[in-house]
Amino acid sequence: MKNATLTIRLDKELDELLTKVSKRSGKNRSEIAREALRRQLRLDQFEELRKRIMPFAEARGLLTDDDIFSRVS
């Protein structure tokens, strides 16, 4: 797989926080940024899927997470 490069600008506060987390975790800054981006993109994908299925769930009386969990367990 070919790697791509992304350049972003960070404000001072975010840069300092990223450096602190990097030192504390032992991970390099790029690794932390990749993990954060991956997590955010997956969260966005989840929210989009949730929006698409909500009408179907509501039509079946599934209005809350507890409604779903009670049917699954």
N, C-alpha and C. Protein backbone atom coordinates (compact mmCIF):
# COMPACT_ATOMS: atom_id res chain seq x y z
N MET A 1 0.84 -1.17 0.00
CA MET A 1 0.00 0.00 0.00
C MET A 1 0.89 1.25 0.00
N LYS A 2 0.60 2.14 -0.88
CA LYS A 2 1.38 3.37 -0.96
C LYS A 2 0.89 4.35 0.11
N ASN A 3 1.82 4.95 0.82
CA ASN A 3 1.47 5.93 1.86
C ASN A 3 1.26 7.29 1.23
N ALA A 4 0.35 8.04 1.82
CA ALA A 4 0.11 9.42 1.41
C ALA A 4 0.56 10.33 2.54
N THR A 5 0.81 11.56 2.21
CA THR A 5 1.23 12.54 3.21
C THR A 5 0.17 13.62 3.31
N LEU A 6 -0.13 14.00 4.54
CA LEU A 6 -1.08 15.07 4.81
C LEU A 6 -0.37 16.10 5.67
N THR A 7 -0.44 17.33 5.26
CA THR A 7 0.16 18.41 6.04
C THR A 7 -0.97 19.24 6.64
N ILE A 8 -0.91 19.45 7.95
CA ILE A 8 -1.93 20.27 8.61
C ILE A 8 -1.26 21.33 9.46
N ARG A 9 -1.97 22.39 9.69
CA ARG A 9 -1.47 23.45 10.56
C ARG A 9 -2.15 23.30 11.92
N LEU A 10 -1.37 23.40 12.96
CA LEU A 10 -1.88 23.29 14.32
C LEU A 10 -1.70 24.62 15.03
N ASP A 11 -2.70 25.01 15.80
CA ASP A 11 -2.49 26.19 16.63
C ASP A 11 -1.56 25.78 17.78
N LYS A 12 -1.04 26.75 18.49
CA LYS A 12 -0.04 26.51 19.52
C LYS A 12 -0.56 25.54 20.59
N GLU A 13 -1.80 25.74 21.02
CA GLU A 13 -2.37 24.90 22.08
C GLU A 13 -2.45 23.44 21.65
N LEU A 14 -2.93 23.19 20.43
CA LEU A 14 -3.05 21.82 19.95
C LEU A 14 -1.66 21.21 19.74
N ASP A 15 -0.73 21.99 19.26
CA ASP A 15 0.64 21.51 19.07
C ASP A 15 1.26 21.10 20.41
N GLU A 16 1.07 21.91 21.42
CA GLU A 16 1.61 21.59 22.75
C GLU A 16 0.95 20.35 23.33
N LEU A 17 -0.35 20.24 23.15
CA LEU A 17 -1.07 19.06 23.66
C LEU A 17 -0.60 17.80 22.94
N LEU A 18 -0.43 17.89 21.64
CA LEU A 18 0.05 16.74 20.87
C LEU A 18 1.44 16.32 21.32
N THR A 19 2.30 17.28 21.56
CA THR A 19 3.65 16.99 22.04
C THR A 19 3.62 16.32 23.41
N LYS A 20 2.77 16.83 24.31
CA LYS A 20 2.64 16.24 25.65
C LYS A 20 2.18 14.79 25.59
N VAL A 21 1.14 14.57 24.80
CA VAL A 21 0.60 13.21 24.67
C VAL A 21 1.64 12.28 24.05
N SER A 22 2.38 12.79 23.09
CA SER A 22 3.41 11.99 22.45
C SER A 22 4.47 11.56 23.45
N LYS A 23 4.93 12.49 24.25
CA LYS A 23 5.96 12.17 25.25
C LYS A 23 5.42 11.19 26.29
N ARG A 24 4.19 11.42 26.74
CA ARG A 24 3.60 10.58 27.77
C ARG A 24 3.35 9.16 27.27
N SER A 25 2.90 9.04 26.02
CA SER A 25 2.52 7.72 25.50
C SER A 25 3.68 6.96 24.86
N GLY A 26 4.72 7.69 24.48
CA GLY A 26 5.82 7.05 23.78
C GLY A 26 5.55 6.85 22.30
N LYS A 27 4.44 7.38 21.82
CA LYS A 27 4.11 7.30 20.39
C LYS A 27 4.54 8.60 19.74
N ASN A 28 4.90 8.51 18.46
CA ASN A 28 5.28 9.75 17.80
C ASN A 28 4.03 10.55 17.42
N ARG A 29 4.23 11.80 17.12
CA ARG A 29 3.12 12.72 16.85
C ARG A 29 2.26 12.25 15.67
N SER A 30 2.91 11.72 14.65
CA SER A 30 2.17 11.25 13.47
C SER A 30 1.26 10.08 13.83
N GLU A 31 1.77 9.18 14.65
CA GLU A 31 0.99 8.02 15.07
C GLU A 31 -0.26 8.46 15.83
N ILE A 32 -0.10 9.42 16.72
CA ILE A 32 -1.23 9.93 17.49
C ILE A 32 -2.23 10.61 16.57
N ALA A 33 -1.74 11.42 15.63
CA ALA A 33 -2.62 12.11 14.69
C ALA A 33 -3.38 11.11 13.82
N ARG A 34 -2.69 10.07 13.35
CA ARG A 34 -3.36 9.05 12.53
C ARG A 34 -4.46 8.35 13.31
N GLU A 35 -4.15 7.98 14.57
CA GLU A 35 -5.15 7.31 15.39
C GLU A 35 -6.36 8.20 15.64
N ALA A 36 -6.11 9.48 15.91
CA ALA A 36 -7.20 10.42 16.16
C ALA A 36 -8.05 10.62 14.90
N LEU A 37 -7.39 10.74 13.76
CA LEU A 37 -8.12 10.90 12.50
C LEU A 37 -8.92 9.65 12.18
N ARG A 38 -8.32 8.48 12.36
CA ARG A 38 -9.02 7.23 12.11
C ARG A 38 -10.25 7.11 13.00
N ARG A 39 -10.09 7.44 14.28
CA ARG A 39 -11.20 7.37 15.24
C ARG A 39 -12.33 8.32 14.84
N GLN A 40 -11.97 9.55 14.45
CA GLN A 40 -12.97 10.54 14.07
C GLN A 40 -13.71 10.13 12.80
N LEU A 41 -12.98 9.62 11.83
CA LEU A 41 -13.62 9.19 10.59
C LEU A 41 -14.55 8.01 10.82
N ARG A 42 -14.16 7.10 11.69
CA ARG A 42 -15.05 5.97 12.01
C ARG A 42 -16.28 6.43 12.76
N LEU A 43 -16.11 7.39 13.65
CA LEU A 43 -17.24 7.96 14.37
C LEU A 43 -18.21 8.65 13.40
N ASP A 44 -17.66 9.42 12.46
CA ASP A 44 -18.50 10.07 11.45
C ASP A 44 -19.25 9.03 10.61
N GLN A 45 -18.56 7.95 10.24
CA GLN A 45 -19.19 6.89 9.47
C GLN A 45 -20.32 6.23 10.27
N PHE A 46 -20.08 5.98 11.54
CA PHE A 46 -21.09 5.39 12.41
C PHE A 46 -22.32 6.30 12.49
N GLU A 47 -22.09 7.59 12.70
CA GLU A 47 -23.20 8.54 12.81
C GLU A 47 -24.01 8.60 11.52
N GLU A 48 -23.33 8.55 10.38
CA GLU A 48 -24.03 8.56 9.10
C GLU A 48 -24.89 7.31 8.94
N LEU A 49 -24.34 6.16 9.28
CA LEU A 49 -25.11 4.91 9.20
C LEU A 49 -26.30 4.94 10.16
N ARG A 50 -26.06 5.48 11.34
CA ARG A 50 -27.14 5.58 12.33
C ARG A 50 -28.29 6.44 11.81
N LYS A 51 -27.96 7.56 11.17
CA LYS A 51 -29.00 8.42 10.60
C LYS A 51 -29.81 7.69 9.54
N ARG A 52 -29.10 6.88 8.74
CA ARG A 52 -29.79 6.17 7.65
C ARG A 52 -30.71 5.06 8.15
N ILE A 53 -30.35 4.41 9.27
CA ILE A 53 -31.18 3.30 9.74
C ILE A 53 -32.25 3.73 10.75
N MET A 54 -32.12 4.92 11.31
CA MET A 54 -33.08 5.36 12.33
C MET A 54 -34.54 5.28 11.88
N PRO A 55 -34.89 5.71 10.67
CA PRO A 55 -36.30 5.59 10.26
C PRO A 55 -36.82 4.15 10.30
N PHE A 56 -35.98 3.20 9.94
CA PHE A 56 -36.38 1.79 9.96
C PHE A 56 -36.54 1.30 11.40
N ALA A 57 -35.63 1.70 12.26
CA ALA A 57 -35.70 1.30 13.66
C ALA A 57 -36.93 1.92 14.33
N GLU A 58 -37.16 3.20 14.08
CA GLU A 58 -38.32 3.87 14.69
C GLU A 58 -39.63 3.24 14.24
N ALA A 59 -39.68 2.82 12.98
CA ALA A 59 -40.90 2.17 12.46
C ALA A 59 -41.17 0.86 13.18
N ARG A 60 -40.16 0.27 13.78
CA ARG A 60 -40.31 -0.98 14.53
C ARG A 60 -40.37 -0.74 16.03
N GLY A 61 -40.51 0.52 16.42
CA GLY A 61 -40.65 0.85 17.84
C GLY A 61 -39.33 0.90 18.60
N LEU A 62 -38.23 0.95 17.89
CA LEU A 62 -36.91 1.02 18.53
C LEU A 62 -36.49 2.48 18.57
N LEU A 63 -36.70 3.11 19.73
CA LEU A 63 -36.48 4.55 19.83
C LEU A 63 -35.22 4.92 20.61
N THR A 64 -34.74 4.04 21.46
CA THR A 64 -33.57 4.32 22.27
C THR A 64 -32.56 3.18 22.16
N ASP A 65 -31.36 3.43 22.64
CA ASP A 65 -30.35 2.36 22.67
C ASP A 65 -30.82 1.21 23.55
N ASP A 66 -31.51 1.54 24.64
CA ASP A 66 -32.02 0.48 25.53
C ASP A 66 -33.01 -0.42 24.81
N ASP A 67 -33.83 0.16 23.92
CA ASP A 67 -34.75 -0.66 23.13
C ASP A 67 -33.97 -1.66 22.28
N ILE A 68 -32.91 -1.21 21.70
CA ILE A 68 -32.08 -2.09 20.84
C ILE A 68 -31.44 -3.18 21.71
N PHE A 69 -30.82 -2.77 22.82
CA PHE A 69 -30.12 -3.72 23.68
C PHE A 69 -31.06 -4.78 24.24
N SER A 70 -32.30 -4.39 24.55
CA SER A 70 -33.24 -5.37 25.10
C SER A 70 -33.61 -6.41 24.05
N ARG A 71 -33.61 -6.04 22.78
CA ARG A 71 -33.92 -7.00 21.71
C ARG A 71 -32.72 -7.89 21.37
N VAL A 72 -31.53 -7.36 21.55
CA VAL A 72 -30.33 -8.09 21.17
C VAL A 72 -29.97 -9.12 22.24
N SER A 73 -30.14 -8.75 23.53
CA SER A 73 -29.71 -9.66 24.59
C SER A 73 -30.70 -10.74 24.88
